[in-house]
């Protein structure tokens, strides 16, 4: 009886294999000497081309440095440049000219050419907000005297580092 069961079982397995082989789609198989075939599929088509990203010339909003908050301007300070106004250029971490003489009621304009700078009087007569490249600050001198000033980022009161002097005469 066991022999019959083994024979039936072997027949069922063999029949299942034959059905599976006959149900397979025809192929371009190369049959080797051992009777085992290998199906050769045509090469897969190449992937579709990826779109080329366009360079973005605008800075990302979250990468731009945040400017410092601007304090309220001091009385007598303006931000407009008028023709003929004595001008101090801010470039290469220095004020040029370093010393300037003007008359009472004249307005001096500081023009920032690069970086972030401030213009702060040693004794508090005037103080600019942080100036970025292309911005300017002006102050009208109403009294005679010597006004020392400096950049709060790169200088200090008393004429150290990035500093200058405005002398006001009659």
N, C-alpha and C. Protein backbone atom coordinates (compact mmCIF):
# COMPACT_ATOMS: atom_id res chain seq x y z
N UNK A 1 0.82 -1.17 0.00
CA UNK A 1 0.00 0.00 0.00
C UNK A 1 0.87 1.25 0.00
N UNK A 2 1.93 1.21 0.76
CA UNK A 2 2.83 2.36 0.77
C UNK A 2 3.42 2.58 -0.60
N UNK A 3 3.73 1.60 -1.28
CA UNK A 3 4.32 1.74 -2.60
C UNK A 3 3.34 2.42 -3.54
N UNK A 4 2.06 2.02 -3.46
CA UNK A 4 1.05 2.66 -4.31
C UNK A 4 0.93 4.14 -3.96
N UNK A 5 0.93 4.48 -2.67
CA UNK A 5 0.83 5.88 -2.27
C UNK A 5 2.03 6.68 -2.76
N UNK A 6 3.19 6.10 -2.67
CA UNK A 6 4.37 6.79 -3.16
C UNK A 6 4.28 7.01 -4.66
N UNK A 7 3.81 6.04 -5.37
CA UNK A 7 3.70 6.15 -6.82
C UNK A 7 2.68 7.21 -7.18
N UNK A 8 1.55 7.24 -6.47
CA UNK A 8 0.52 8.25 -6.75
C UNK A 8 1.05 9.66 -6.40
N UNK A 9 1.72 9.74 -5.32
CA UNK A 9 2.27 11.03 -4.91
C UNK A 9 3.29 11.53 -5.92
N UNK A 10 4.17 10.67 -6.35
CA UNK A 10 5.17 11.04 -7.36
C UNK A 10 4.48 11.45 -8.65
N UNK A 11 3.40 10.77 -9.05
CA UNK A 11 2.67 11.09 -10.26
C UNK A 11 2.03 12.48 -10.15
N UNK A 12 1.45 12.76 -8.98
CA UNK A 12 0.80 14.06 -8.78
C UNK A 12 1.84 15.18 -8.87
N UNK A 13 2.99 14.99 -8.29
CA UNK A 13 4.04 16.02 -8.33
C UNK A 13 4.52 16.20 -9.76
N UNK A 14 4.75 15.09 -10.46
CA UNK A 14 5.22 15.15 -11.84
C UNK A 14 4.16 15.83 -12.72
N UNK A 15 2.92 15.53 -12.52
CA UNK A 15 1.85 16.12 -13.32
C UNK A 15 1.78 17.63 -13.04
N UNK A 16 1.94 18.03 -11.79
CA UNK A 16 1.94 19.45 -11.45
C UNK A 16 3.08 20.19 -12.12
N UNK A 17 4.21 19.56 -12.17
CA UNK A 17 5.37 20.19 -12.82
C UNK A 17 5.13 20.33 -14.31
N UNK A 18 4.57 19.31 -14.92
CA UNK A 18 4.31 19.36 -16.36
C UNK A 18 3.28 20.44 -16.68
N UNK A 19 2.26 20.55 -15.84
CA UNK A 19 1.26 21.59 -16.06
C UNK A 19 1.89 22.98 -15.94
N UNK A 20 2.76 23.14 -14.98
CA UNK A 20 3.39 24.43 -14.78
C UNK A 20 4.27 24.79 -15.97
N UNK A 21 5.00 23.84 -16.51
CA UNK A 21 5.87 24.09 -17.66
C UNK A 21 5.04 24.38 -18.89
N UNK A 22 3.96 23.63 -19.10
CA UNK A 22 3.15 23.83 -20.30
C UNK A 22 2.36 25.13 -20.23
N UNK A 23 2.08 25.65 -19.01
CA UNK A 23 1.33 26.89 -18.87
C UNK A 23 2.23 28.10 -19.02
N UNK A 24 3.55 27.93 -18.96
CA UNK A 24 4.48 29.06 -19.08
C UNK A 24 4.45 29.58 -20.51
N UNK A 25 4.58 30.90 -20.71
CA UNK A 25 4.57 31.46 -22.07
C UNK A 25 5.80 31.01 -22.83
N UNK A 26 5.71 30.97 -24.14
CA UNK A 26 6.87 30.56 -24.92
C UNK A 26 8.00 31.55 -24.70
N UNK A 27 9.21 31.05 -24.80
CA UNK A 27 10.35 31.91 -24.56
C UNK A 27 11.44 31.63 -25.58
N UNK A 28 12.37 32.60 -25.60
CA UNK A 28 13.56 32.41 -26.44
C UNK A 28 14.60 31.74 -25.57
N UNK A 29 14.34 30.48 -25.22
CA UNK A 29 15.21 29.78 -24.29
C UNK A 29 16.32 29.06 -25.04
N UNK A 30 17.42 29.05 -24.36
CA UNK A 30 18.51 28.20 -24.83
C UNK A 30 18.52 27.01 -23.89
N UNK A 31 18.35 25.85 -24.42
CA UNK A 31 18.31 24.65 -23.60
C UNK A 31 19.71 24.07 -23.57
N UNK A 32 20.19 23.89 -22.37
CA UNK A 32 21.54 23.33 -22.24
C UNK A 32 21.46 21.82 -22.33
N UNK A 33 22.60 21.21 -22.30
CA UNK A 33 22.66 19.75 -22.44
C UNK A 33 21.93 19.06 -21.31
N UNK A 34 21.83 19.68 -20.16
CA UNK A 34 21.15 19.06 -19.04
C UNK A 34 19.64 19.25 -19.11
N UNK A 35 19.11 19.91 -20.11
CA UNK A 35 17.68 20.07 -20.25
C UNK A 35 17.12 21.26 -19.49
N UNK A 36 17.94 22.09 -18.93
CA UNK A 36 17.47 23.25 -18.18
C UNK A 36 17.54 24.47 -19.09
N UNK A 37 16.45 25.19 -19.21
CA UNK A 37 16.43 26.35 -20.10
C UNK A 37 16.60 27.65 -19.33
N UNK A 38 17.07 28.66 -20.02
CA UNK A 38 17.22 29.99 -19.46
C UNK A 38 16.52 30.96 -20.38
N UNK A 39 15.66 31.75 -19.81
CA UNK A 39 14.94 32.70 -20.64
C UNK A 39 15.76 33.98 -20.74
N UNK A 40 15.95 34.47 -21.96
CA UNK A 40 16.68 35.71 -22.20
C UNK A 40 15.67 36.78 -22.54
N UNK A 41 15.57 37.77 -21.68
CA UNK A 41 14.64 38.87 -21.90
C UNK A 41 15.35 40.00 -22.62
N UNK A 42 14.59 40.76 -23.41
CA UNK A 42 15.24 41.91 -24.04
C UNK A 42 15.64 42.91 -22.95
N UNK A 43 16.64 43.73 -23.23
CA UNK A 43 17.07 44.67 -22.19
C UNK A 43 15.95 45.65 -21.84
N UNK A 44 15.94 46.03 -20.59
CA UNK A 44 14.91 46.98 -20.13
C UNK A 44 15.15 48.33 -20.79
N UNK A 45 14.08 49.03 -21.10
CA UNK A 45 14.27 50.35 -21.70
C UNK A 45 14.95 51.29 -20.70
N UNK A 46 15.73 52.26 -21.21
CA UNK A 46 16.41 53.17 -20.28
C UNK A 46 15.38 54.02 -19.52
N UNK A 47 15.73 54.44 -18.32
CA UNK A 47 14.78 55.27 -17.56
C UNK A 47 14.58 56.61 -18.28
N UNK A 48 13.42 57.20 -18.10
CA UNK A 48 13.19 58.49 -18.76
C UNK A 48 14.17 59.54 -18.24
N UNK A 49 14.56 60.47 -19.10
CA UNK A 49 15.52 61.48 -18.63
C UNK A 49 14.91 62.34 -17.54
N UNK A 50 15.74 62.68 -16.56
CA UNK A 50 15.30 63.53 -15.45
C UNK A 50 15.39 64.98 -15.90
N UNK A 51 14.42 65.81 -15.50
CA UNK A 51 14.50 67.22 -15.89
C UNK A 51 15.73 67.86 -15.25
N UNK A 52 16.41 68.71 -16.00
CA UNK A 52 17.58 69.41 -15.50
C UNK A 52 17.11 70.57 -14.64
N UNK A 53 17.56 70.61 -13.38
CA UNK A 53 17.12 71.71 -12.52
C UNK A 53 17.72 73.02 -13.02
N UNK A 54 16.90 74.05 -13.01
CA UNK A 54 17.36 75.38 -13.42
C UNK A 54 18.05 76.02 -12.23
N UNK A 55 19.18 76.71 -12.47
CA UNK A 55 19.84 77.36 -11.33
C UNK A 55 18.95 78.47 -10.78
N UNK A 56 18.91 78.55 -9.48
CA UNK A 56 18.08 79.54 -8.83
C UNK A 56 18.97 80.72 -8.46
N UNK A 57 18.74 81.86 -9.05
CA UNK A 57 19.58 83.01 -8.78
C UNK A 57 19.10 83.81 -7.58
N UNK A 58 17.86 83.59 -7.18
CA UNK A 58 17.35 84.34 -6.03
C UNK A 58 17.77 83.63 -4.74
N UNK A 59 18.22 84.40 -3.73
CA UNK A 59 18.61 83.75 -2.47
C UNK A 59 17.39 83.15 -1.79
N UNK A 60 17.64 82.06 -1.11
CA UNK A 60 16.57 81.42 -0.36
C UNK A 60 16.20 82.33 0.81
N UNK A 61 14.89 82.47 1.06
CA UNK A 61 14.49 83.37 2.14
C UNK A 61 15.09 83.02 3.49
N UNK A 62 15.30 81.72 3.74
CA UNK A 62 15.81 81.37 5.06
C UNK A 62 17.32 81.42 5.15
N UNK A 63 18.03 81.73 4.02
CA UNK A 63 19.47 81.81 4.08
C UNK A 63 19.99 83.23 4.11
N UNK A 64 19.15 84.18 3.82
CA UNK A 64 19.58 85.58 3.85
C UNK A 64 19.77 86.02 5.29
N UNK A 65 20.88 86.76 5.57
CA UNK A 65 21.07 87.22 6.94
C UNK A 65 20.00 88.22 7.33
N UNK A 66 19.57 88.12 8.55
CA UNK A 66 18.55 89.04 9.05
C UNK A 66 19.24 90.33 9.47
N UNK A 67 18.76 91.48 8.98
CA UNK A 67 19.36 92.74 9.42
C UNK A 67 19.01 93.02 10.88
N UNK A 68 19.89 93.76 11.52
CA UNK A 68 19.65 94.13 12.91
C UNK A 68 18.48 95.12 12.95
N UNK A 69 17.71 95.11 14.01
CA UNK A 69 16.61 96.07 14.10
C UNK A 69 17.16 97.49 14.09
N UNK A 70 16.45 98.38 13.41
CA UNK A 70 16.91 99.75 13.29
C UNK A 70 16.36 100.58 14.44
N UNK A 71 17.29 101.25 15.19
CA UNK A 71 16.80 102.12 16.26
C UNK A 71 16.23 103.40 15.66
N UNK A 72 15.48 104.12 16.46
CA UNK A 72 14.92 105.40 16.00
C UNK A 72 16.07 106.37 15.75
N UNK A 73 16.01 107.14 14.65
CA UNK A 73 17.09 108.07 14.38
C UNK A 73 17.18 109.16 15.45
N UNK A 74 18.39 109.63 15.65
CA UNK A 74 18.65 110.71 16.60
C UNK A 74 18.09 112.01 16.03
N UNK A 75 17.71 112.97 16.84
CA UNK A 75 17.28 114.27 16.33
C UNK A 75 18.41 114.89 15.51
N UNK A 76 18.09 115.42 14.36
CA UNK A 76 19.09 116.02 13.48
C UNK A 76 19.66 115.05 12.47
N UNK A 77 19.35 113.74 12.61
CA UNK A 77 19.86 112.74 11.68
C UNK A 77 18.90 112.59 10.51
N UNK A 78 19.46 112.44 9.32
CA UNK A 78 18.65 112.19 8.13
C UNK A 78 19.30 111.08 7.34
N UNK A 79 18.61 110.58 6.34
CA UNK A 79 19.14 109.48 5.54
C UNK A 79 19.20 109.83 4.07
N UNK A 80 19.08 111.10 3.72
CA UNK A 80 19.13 111.51 2.32
C UNK A 80 20.44 112.23 2.06
N UNK A 81 21.03 111.98 0.90
CA UNK A 81 22.26 112.66 0.52
C UNK A 81 21.90 113.79 -0.42
N UNK A 82 22.42 114.97 -0.13
CA UNK A 82 22.19 116.13 -0.99
C UNK A 82 23.48 116.45 -1.73
N UNK A 83 23.37 116.98 -2.96
CA UNK A 83 24.59 117.37 -3.69
C UNK A 83 25.38 118.39 -2.88
N UNK A 84 26.69 118.27 -2.88
CA UNK A 84 27.54 119.21 -2.16
C UNK A 84 27.67 118.91 -0.68
N UNK A 85 27.05 117.85 -0.21
CA UNK A 85 27.12 117.48 1.20
C UNK A 85 28.49 116.86 1.49
N UNK A 86 29.17 117.30 2.56
CA UNK A 86 30.42 116.63 2.93
C UNK A 86 30.14 115.15 3.19
N UNK A 87 30.97 114.30 2.61
CA UNK A 87 30.71 112.86 2.64
C UNK A 87 31.90 112.10 3.21
N UNK A 88 31.60 111.11 4.03
CA UNK A 88 32.61 110.18 4.54
C UNK A 88 32.27 108.82 3.96
N UNK A 89 33.24 108.18 3.32
CA UNK A 89 33.05 106.86 2.71
C UNK A 89 33.42 105.79 3.73
N UNK A 90 32.61 104.76 3.79
CA UNK A 90 32.89 103.63 4.69
C UNK A 90 33.27 102.44 3.80
N UNK A 91 34.54 102.09 3.82
CA UNK A 91 35.03 100.96 3.02
C UNK A 91 36.33 100.42 3.63
N UNK A 92 36.62 99.15 3.39
CA UNK A 92 37.84 98.50 3.91
C UNK A 92 38.00 98.71 5.42
N UNK A 93 36.91 98.66 6.16
CA UNK A 93 36.93 98.80 7.62
C UNK A 93 37.57 100.11 8.07
N UNK A 94 37.28 101.18 7.32
CA UNK A 94 37.76 102.51 7.72
C UNK A 94 36.83 103.60 7.21
N UNK A 95 36.89 104.76 7.86
CA UNK A 95 36.16 105.94 7.43
C UNK A 95 37.14 106.81 6.65
N UNK A 96 36.74 107.25 5.45
CA UNK A 96 37.60 108.08 4.62
C UNK A 96 36.84 109.32 4.17
N UNK A 97 37.29 110.51 4.51
CA UNK A 97 38.50 110.80 5.28
C UNK A 97 38.28 110.50 6.77
N UNK A 98 39.39 110.21 7.44
CA UNK A 98 39.31 109.90 8.87
C UNK A 98 39.00 111.16 9.67
N UNK A 99 39.46 112.32 9.20
CA UNK A 99 39.18 113.60 9.85
C UNK A 99 38.58 114.54 8.82
N UNK A 100 37.53 115.23 9.23
CA UNK A 100 36.82 116.13 8.32
C UNK A 100 36.43 117.39 9.10
N UNK A 101 36.60 118.56 8.46
CA UNK A 101 36.20 119.82 9.08
C UNK A 101 35.03 120.40 8.29
N UNK A 102 33.95 120.77 9.02
CA UNK A 102 32.75 121.35 8.41
C UNK A 102 32.35 122.59 9.19
N UNK A 103 31.41 123.35 8.66
CA UNK A 103 30.90 124.55 9.33
C UNK A 103 29.63 124.21 10.11
N UNK A 104 29.30 125.04 11.07
CA UNK A 104 28.07 124.87 11.84
C UNK A 104 26.89 124.85 10.86
N UNK A 105 25.93 124.00 11.13
CA UNK A 105 24.72 123.78 10.32
C UNK A 105 24.97 123.04 9.00
N UNK A 106 26.16 122.49 8.84
CA UNK A 106 26.40 121.63 7.67
C UNK A 106 26.03 120.20 8.04
N UNK A 107 25.64 119.47 7.01
CA UNK A 107 25.26 118.06 7.19
C UNK A 107 26.35 117.18 6.60
N UNK A 108 26.77 116.19 7.37
CA UNK A 108 27.76 115.21 6.91
C UNK A 108 27.02 113.91 6.62
N UNK A 109 27.38 113.30 5.49
CA UNK A 109 26.77 112.01 5.13
C UNK A 109 27.84 110.92 5.11
N UNK A 110 27.57 109.82 5.78
CA UNK A 110 28.43 108.64 5.76
C UNK A 110 27.80 107.66 4.78
N UNK A 111 28.54 107.24 3.76
CA UNK A 111 28.05 106.30 2.75
C UNK A 111 28.78 104.97 2.90
N UNK A 112 28.01 103.92 3.19
CA UNK A 112 28.60 102.59 3.36
C UNK A 112 28.76 101.91 2.01
N UNK A 113 29.97 101.53 1.67
CA UNK A 113 30.26 100.87 0.39
C UNK A 113 30.24 99.35 0.48
N UNK A 114 30.47 98.80 1.68
CA UNK A 114 30.52 97.34 1.83
C UNK A 114 30.36 96.93 3.29
N UNK A 115 29.88 95.74 3.50
CA UNK A 115 29.76 95.18 4.84
C UNK A 115 28.64 95.80 5.67
N UNK A 116 28.71 95.55 6.97
CA UNK A 116 27.75 96.05 7.95
C UNK A 116 28.50 96.95 8.92
N UNK A 117 28.07 98.21 9.03
CA UNK A 117 28.76 99.16 9.89
C UNK A 117 27.75 100.09 10.56
N UNK A 118 28.21 100.79 11.58
CA UNK A 118 27.42 101.83 12.25
C UNK A 118 28.29 103.08 12.35
N UNK A 119 27.65 104.19 12.66
CA UNK A 119 28.35 105.46 12.91
C UNK A 119 27.81 105.94 14.26
N UNK A 120 28.66 105.92 15.30
CA UNK A 120 28.23 106.24 16.66
C UNK A 120 29.16 107.30 17.24
N UNK A 121 28.60 108.42 17.70
CA UNK A 121 29.40 109.47 18.34
C UNK A 121 29.84 109.01 19.72
N UNK A 122 31.10 109.33 20.06
CA UNK A 122 31.63 108.95 21.37
C UNK A 122 30.76 109.45 22.52
N UNK A 123 30.27 110.69 22.40
CA UNK A 123 29.50 111.29 23.50
C UNK A 123 28.00 111.26 23.27
N UNK A 124 27.53 110.45 22.29
CA UNK A 124 26.10 110.23 22.10
C UNK A 124 25.36 111.27 21.27
N UNK A 125 26.07 112.17 20.58
CA UNK A 125 25.40 113.20 19.78
C UNK A 125 24.60 112.59 18.63
N UNK A 126 25.07 111.50 18.06
CA UNK A 126 24.36 110.83 16.97
C UNK A 126 24.70 109.34 16.98
N UNK A 127 23.83 108.58 16.36
CA UNK A 127 24.02 107.12 16.27
C UNK A 127 23.20 106.60 15.10
N UNK A 128 23.84 105.92 14.20
CA UNK A 128 23.12 105.36 13.05
C UNK A 128 22.64 103.96 13.35
N UNK A 129 21.66 103.49 12.60
CA UNK A 129 21.34 102.06 12.66
C UNK A 129 22.44 101.30 11.91
N UNK A 130 22.37 100.00 11.89
CA UNK A 130 23.32 99.21 11.11
C UNK A 130 23.12 99.53 9.63
N UNK A 131 24.20 99.91 8.97
CA UNK A 131 24.15 100.24 7.54
C UNK A 131 24.71 99.07 6.74
N UNK A 132 24.01 98.68 5.71
CA UNK A 132 24.53 97.67 4.79
C UNK A 132 25.03 98.37 3.54
N UNK A 133 25.70 97.64 2.66
CA UNK A 133 26.27 98.22 1.45
C UNK A 133 25.22 99.01 0.69
N UNK A 134 25.57 100.25 0.31
CA UNK A 134 24.66 101.09 -0.45
C UNK A 134 23.81 102.01 0.42
N UNK A 135 23.80 101.82 1.72
CA UNK A 135 23.02 102.68 2.60
C UNK A 135 23.88 103.83 3.12
N UNK A 136 23.21 104.90 3.55
CA UNK A 136 23.94 106.05 4.08
C UNK A 136 23.24 106.58 5.33
N UNK A 137 23.98 107.41 6.05
CA UNK A 137 23.47 108.06 7.26
C UNK A 137 23.98 109.49 7.25
N UNK A 138 23.12 110.45 7.59
CA UNK A 138 23.51 111.86 7.61
C UNK A 138 23.17 112.48 8.95
N UNK A 139 23.98 113.48 9.32
CA UNK A 139 23.74 114.21 10.57
C UNK A 139 24.10 115.67 10.36
N UNK A 140 23.22 116.56 10.81
CA UNK A 140 23.44 118.00 10.72
C UNK A 140 24.07 118.48 12.03
N UNK A 141 25.28 119.08 11.91
CA UNK A 141 26.02 119.55 13.08
C UNK A 141 25.60 120.99 13.38
N UNK A 142 24.98 121.23 14.54
CA UNK A 142 24.44 122.55 14.89
C UNK A 142 25.34 123.32 15.85
N UNK A 143 26.35 122.65 16.43
CA UNK A 143 27.24 123.31 17.40
C UNK A 143 28.69 123.07 17.02
N UNK A 144 29.52 124.07 17.36
CA UNK A 144 30.96 123.92 17.15
C UNK A 144 31.50 122.85 18.09
N UNK A 145 32.59 122.27 17.69
CA UNK A 145 33.25 121.30 18.56
C UNK A 145 33.89 120.17 17.77
N UNK A 146 34.45 119.26 18.52
CA UNK A 146 35.10 118.08 17.94
C UNK A 146 34.24 116.87 18.27
N UNK A 147 33.81 116.16 17.24
CA UNK A 147 32.92 115.00 17.40
C UNK A 147 33.68 113.74 16.96
N UNK A 148 34.07 112.96 17.93
CA UNK A 148 34.70 111.67 17.61
C UNK A 148 33.60 110.63 17.44
N UNK A 149 33.81 109.72 16.51
CA UNK A 149 32.82 108.69 16.24
C UNK A 149 33.54 107.39 15.87
N UNK A 150 32.77 106.30 15.86
CA UNK A 150 33.34 104.98 15.58
C UNK A 150 32.26 104.04 15.06
N UNK A 151 32.69 102.90 14.51
CA UNK A 151 31.78 101.80 14.12
C UNK A 151 31.66 100.89 15.34
N UNK A 152 30.45 100.63 15.78
CA UNK A 152 30.27 99.81 16.98
C UNK A 152 30.68 98.35 16.79
N UNK A 153 30.81 97.91 15.53
CA UNK A 153 31.23 96.53 15.26
C UNK A 153 32.76 96.42 15.17
N UNK A 154 33.42 97.46 14.67
CA UNK A 154 34.84 97.33 14.33
C UNK A 154 35.73 98.40 14.96
N UNK A 155 35.21 99.22 15.82
CA UNK A 155 36.00 100.27 16.45
C UNK A 155 35.55 100.49 17.87
N UNK A 156 35.97 101.60 18.43
CA UNK A 156 35.59 101.91 19.80
C UNK A 156 35.77 103.38 20.09
N UNK A 157 35.13 103.83 21.16
CA UNK A 157 35.22 105.23 21.57
C UNK A 157 36.67 105.59 21.86
N UNK A 158 36.99 106.86 21.65
CA UNK A 158 38.35 107.32 21.95
C UNK A 158 39.29 107.18 20.76
N UNK A 159 38.78 106.82 19.60
CA UNK A 159 39.63 106.77 18.41
C UNK A 159 40.27 105.42 18.13
N UNK A 160 39.79 104.34 18.72
CA UNK A 160 40.40 103.04 18.46
C UNK A 160 39.82 102.38 17.22
N UNK A 161 40.69 101.70 16.49
CA UNK A 161 40.32 100.91 15.30
C UNK A 161 39.54 101.74 14.29
N UNK A 162 38.31 101.33 13.96
CA UNK A 162 37.52 101.99 12.92
C UNK A 162 36.82 103.19 13.54
N UNK A 163 37.45 104.37 13.40
CA UNK A 163 36.91 105.57 14.03
C UNK A 163 37.31 106.79 13.19
N UNK A 164 36.72 107.94 13.54
CA UNK A 164 37.03 109.17 12.84
C UNK A 164 36.65 110.37 13.69
N UNK A 165 36.90 111.57 13.12
CA UNK A 165 36.62 112.80 13.84
C UNK A 165 36.03 113.84 12.88
N UNK A 166 34.95 114.50 13.33
CA UNK A 166 34.39 115.63 12.60
C UNK A 166 34.65 116.86 13.46
N UNK A 167 35.31 117.86 12.89
CA UNK A 167 35.55 119.12 13.60
C UNK A 167 34.61 120.16 12.99
N UNK A 168 33.79 120.78 13.85
CA UNK A 168 32.81 121.76 13.40
C UNK A 168 33.28 123.15 13.79
N UNK A 169 33.41 124.04 12.79
CA UNK A 169 33.86 125.42 13.01
C UNK A 169 32.78 126.38 12.56
N UNK A 170 32.97 127.71 12.86
CA UNK A 170 31.99 128.71 12.44
C UNK A 170 32.00 128.90 10.97
